[in-house]
C-alpha atoms as a PDB file:
ATOM      1  CA  UNK A   1     -13.645   2.942 -17.551  1.00  0.00           C
ATOM      2  CA  UNK A   2     -11.930   5.795 -16.075  1.00  0.00           C
ATOM      3  CA  UNK A   3     -13.850   5.771 -12.997  1.00  0.00           C
ATOM      4  CA  UNK A   4     -12.774   2.620 -12.042  1.00  0.00           C
ATOM      5  CA  UNK A   5      -8.853   3.114 -13.129  1.00  0.00           C
ATOM      6  CA  UNK A   6      -9.708   6.216 -10.752  1.00  0.00           C
ATOM      7  CA  UNK A   7     -10.510   3.626  -8.009  1.00  0.00           C
ATOM      8  CA  UNK A   8      -7.390   1.128  -8.768  1.00  0.00           C
ATOM      9  CA  UNK A   9      -4.798   4.503  -8.423  1.00  0.00           C
ATOM     10  CA  UNK A  10      -6.903   5.516  -4.916  1.00  0.00           C
ATOM     11  CA  UNK A  11      -6.569   1.654  -3.739  1.00  0.00           C
ATOM     12  CA  UNK A  12      -2.758   1.571  -4.614  1.00  0.00           C
ATOM     13  CA  UNK A  13      -2.198   4.805  -2.853  1.00  0.00           C
ATOM     14  CA  UNK A  14      -4.379   4.167  -0.115  1.00  0.00           C
ATOM     15  CA  UNK A  15      -2.847   1.019   0.569  1.00  0.00           C
ATOM     16  CA  UNK A  16       0.331   2.480   0.110  1.00  0.00           C
ATOM     17  CA  UNK A  17      -0.402   5.166   3.060  1.00  0.00           C
ATOM     18  CA  UNK A  18      -1.349   2.188   5.455  1.00  0.00           C
ATOM     19  CA  UNK A  19       1.402   0.658   5.074  1.00  0.00           C
ATOM     20  CA  UNK A  20       3.897   3.830   6.158  1.00  0.00           C
ATOM     21  CA  UNK A  21       1.427   4.688   8.953  1.00  0.00           C
ATOM     22  CA  UNK A  22       1.334   1.042  10.318  1.00  0.00           C
ATOM     23  CA  UNK A  23       5.170   1.008   9.917  1.00  0.00           C
ATOM     24  CA  UNK A  24       5.445   4.328  11.647  1.00  0.00           C
ATOM     25  CA  UNK A  25       2.834   2.924  14.569  1.00  0.00           C
ATOM     26  CA  UNK A  26       4.690   0.116  15.026  1.00  0.00           C
ATOM     27  CA  UNK A  27       7.959   2.304  16.090  1.00  0.00           C
ATOM     28  CA  UNK A  28       5.920   4.300  18.805  1.00  0.00           C
ATOM     29  CA  UNK A  29       6.551   2.906  22.380  1.00  0.00           C
ATOM     30  CA  UNK A  30       4.957   4.793  25.083  1.00  0.00           C
ATOM     31  CA  UNK A  31       6.464   5.608  28.684  1.00  0.00           C
ATOM     32  CA  UNK A  32       4.217   2.562  30.264  1.00  0.00           C
ATOM     33  CA  UNK A  33       6.468  -0.331  28.183  1.00  0.00           C
ATOM     34  CA  UNK A  34       3.233  -1.646  27.268  1.00  0.00           C
ATOM     35  CA  UNK A  35       2.215  -4.945  25.104  1.00  0.00           C
ATOM     36  CA  UNK A  36      -0.102  -2.751  23.314  1.00  0.00           C
ATOM     37  CA  UNK A  37       1.134   0.354  22.312  1.00  0.00           C
ATOM     38  CA  UNK A  38       2.430  -0.546  18.741  1.00  0.00           C
ATOM     39  CA  UNK A  39      -1.407  -1.428  18.175  1.00  0.00           C
ATOM     40  CA  UNK A  40      -3.018   1.432  19.810  1.00  0.00           C
ATOM     41  CA  UNK A  41      -1.982   4.388  18.292  1.00  0.00           C
ATOM     42  CA  UNK A  42      -3.086   7.249  16.528  1.00  0.00           C
ATOM     43  CA  UNK A  43      -0.990   5.965  13.062  1.00  0.00           C
ATOM     44  CA  UNK A  44      -2.032   2.193  13.344  1.00  0.00           C
ATOM     45  CA  UNK A  45      -5.310   3.087  13.959  1.00  0.00           C
ATOM     46  CA  UNK A  46      -6.004   5.327  11.033  1.00  0.00           C
ATOM     47  CA  UNK A  47      -3.898   2.486   9.152  1.00  0.00           C
ATOM     48  CA  UNK A  48      -6.038   0.520   9.789  1.00  0.00           C
ATOM     49  CA  UNK A  49      -9.379   2.373   8.985  1.00  0.00           C
ATOM     50  CA  UNK A  50      -7.753   3.301   5.649  1.00  0.00           C
ATOM     51  CA  UNK A  51      -7.103  -1.175   4.996  1.00  0.00           C
ATOM     52  CA  UNK A  52     -10.870  -0.981   5.449  1.00  0.00           C
ATOM     53  CA  UNK A  53     -11.472   1.770   3.076  1.00  0.00           C
ATOM     54  CA  UNK A  54      -9.170  -0.346   0.378  1.00  0.00           C
ATOM     55  CA  UNK A  55     -11.141  -3.388   1.162  1.00  0.00           C
ATOM     56  CA  UNK A  56     -14.923  -1.950   0.716  1.00  0.00           C
ATOM     57  CA  UNK A  57     -12.846   0.241  -2.815  1.00  0.00           C
ATOM     58  CA  UNK A  58     -11.565  -3.055  -3.451  1.00  0.00           C
ATOM     59  CA  UNK A  59     -14.972  -4.914  -3.480  1.00  0.00           C
ATOM     60  CA  UNK A  60     -16.664  -2.307  -5.698  1.00  0.00           C
ATOM     61  CA  UNK A  61     -13.677  -2.622  -8.416  1.00  0.00           C
ATOM     62  CA  UNK A  62     -14.385  -6.303  -8.531  1.00  0.00           C
ATOM     63  CA  UNK A  63     -17.996  -6.434  -8.555  1.00  0.00           C
ATOM     64  CA  UNK A  64     -17.667  -3.803 -11.188  1.00  0.00           C
ATOM     65  CA  UNK A  65     -15.947  -6.137 -13.219  1.00  0.00           C
ATOM     66  CA  UNK A  66     -12.227  -5.906 -13.178  1.00  0.00           C
ATOM     67  CA  UNK A  67     -10.621  -9.308 -13.575  1.00  0.00           C
ATOM     68  CA  UNK A  68      -9.069 -10.843 -10.195  1.00  0.00           C
ATOM     69  CA  UNK A  69      -5.747 -11.587 -12.164  1.00  0.00           C
ATOM     70  CA  UNK A  70      -5.610  -8.168 -13.699  1.00  0.00           C
ATOM     71  CA  UNK A  71      -6.298  -6.379 -10.256  1.00  0.00           C
ATOM     72  CA  UNK A  72      -4.069  -8.689  -8.274  1.00  0.00           C
ATOM     73  CA  UNK A  73      -1.149  -7.631 -10.633  1.00  0.00           C
ATOM     74  CA  UNK A  74      -2.239  -3.864 -10.522  1.00  0.00           C
ATOM     75  CA  UNK A  75      -2.393  -3.381  -6.824  1.00  0.00           C
ATOM     76  CA  UNK A  76       0.764  -5.357  -6.401  1.00  0.00           C
ATOM     77  CA  UNK A  77       1.821  -1.796  -7.458  1.00  0.00           C
ATOM     78  CA  UNK A  78       1.618  -0.877  -3.677  1.00  0.00           C
ATOM     79  CA  UNK A  79       5.256  -2.119  -3.094  1.00  0.00           C
ATOM     80  CA  UNK A  80       6.787   0.116  -5.169  1.00  0.00           C
ATOM     81  CA  UNK A  81       4.450   3.101  -3.767  1.00  0.00           C
ATOM     82  CA  UNK A  82       5.354   1.822  -0.376  1.00  0.00           C
ATOM     83  CA  UNK A  83       9.253   2.186  -1.158  1.00  0.00           C
ATOM     84  CA  UNK A  84       9.227   5.682  -3.107  1.00  0.00           C
ATOM     85  CA  UNK A  85       6.571   6.487   0.492  1.00  0.00           C
ATOM     86  CA  UNK A  86       9.491   5.175   2.676  1.00  0.00           C
ATOM     87  CA  UNK A  87      12.384   6.825   1.208  1.00  0.00           C
ATOM     88  CA  UNK A  88      10.742  10.343   0.856  1.00  0.00           C
ATOM     89  CA  UNK A  89       8.953  10.431   3.847  1.00  0.00           C
ATOM     90  CA  UNK A  90      10.766   8.218   6.164  1.00  0.00           C
ATOM     91  CA  UNK A  91      14.252   9.043   4.738  1.00  0.00           C
ATOM     92  CA  UNK A  92      14.778   5.132   4.507  1.00  0.00           C
ATOM     93  CA  UNK A  93      17.779   3.615   2.034  1.00  0.00           C
ATOM     94  CA  UNK A  94      16.749   2.405  -1.674  1.00  0.00           C
ATOM     95  CA  UNK A  95      19.638   0.162  -2.695  1.00  0.00           C
ATOM     96  CA  UNK A  96      20.042  -1.728  -6.044  1.00  0.00           C
ATOM     97  CA  UNK A  97      18.512  -4.805  -5.740  1.00  0.00           C
ATOM     98  CA  UNK A  98      15.765  -2.270  -4.405  1.00  0.00           C
ATOM     99  CA  UNK A  99      15.232  -0.379  -7.742  1.00  0.00           C
ATOM    100  CA  UNK A 100      15.862  -3.805  -9.633  1.00  0.00           C
ATOM    101  CA  UNK A 101      12.824  -5.068  -7.993  1.00  0.00           C
ATOM    102  CA  UNK A 102      11.210  -1.894  -8.391  1.00  0.00           C
ATOM    103  CA  UNK A 103      11.449  -2.589 -12.469  1.00  0.00           C
ATOM    104  CA  UNK A 104      10.608  -6.654 -12.154  1.00  0.00           C
ATOM    105  CA  UNK A 105       7.483  -5.101 -10.898  1.00  0.00           C
ATOM    106  CA  UNK A 106       6.680  -2.417 -13.225  1.00  0.00           C
ATOM    107  CA  UNK A 107       7.668  -4.631 -16.050  1.00  0.00           C
ATOM    108  CA  UNK A 108       5.391  -7.393 -14.874  1.00  0.00           C
ATOM    109  CA  UNK A 109       2.850  -5.605 -14.883  1.00  0.00           C
ATOM    110  CA  UNK A 110       3.063  -3.462 -17.960  1.00  0.00           C
ATOM    111  CA  UNK A 111       3.944  -7.234 -19.607  1.00  0.00           C
ATOM    112  CA  UNK A 112       0.804  -9.051 -17.523  1.00  0.00           C
ATOM    113  CA  UNK A 113      -1.986  -6.295 -18.467  1.00  0.00           C
ATOM    114  CA  UNK A 114      -0.426  -5.430 -21.874  1.00  0.00           C
END
């Protein structure tokens, strides 16, 4: 059971990092003004790789018996982590509405799973 919880936390962390990398990669432009530059750079390709790893770990977690309804509610915490990482790493602003949204997500996960 502890291993499954650790895998779920790893999924949340890797998916959050992947989404932040995807955001950073989408802002990269090169001098040639290539249309593919936002899609084929180191940040974006690493993000795709992390999403692949998250998918494999998700299959393992679901195969080990975590119900899909619980998996979906727990992995919604990715949104909370992305906001935190964006604030900490990318210096994005966190508004009052964002904080209310975070609290609603966390409240929903707690109510749904416990």
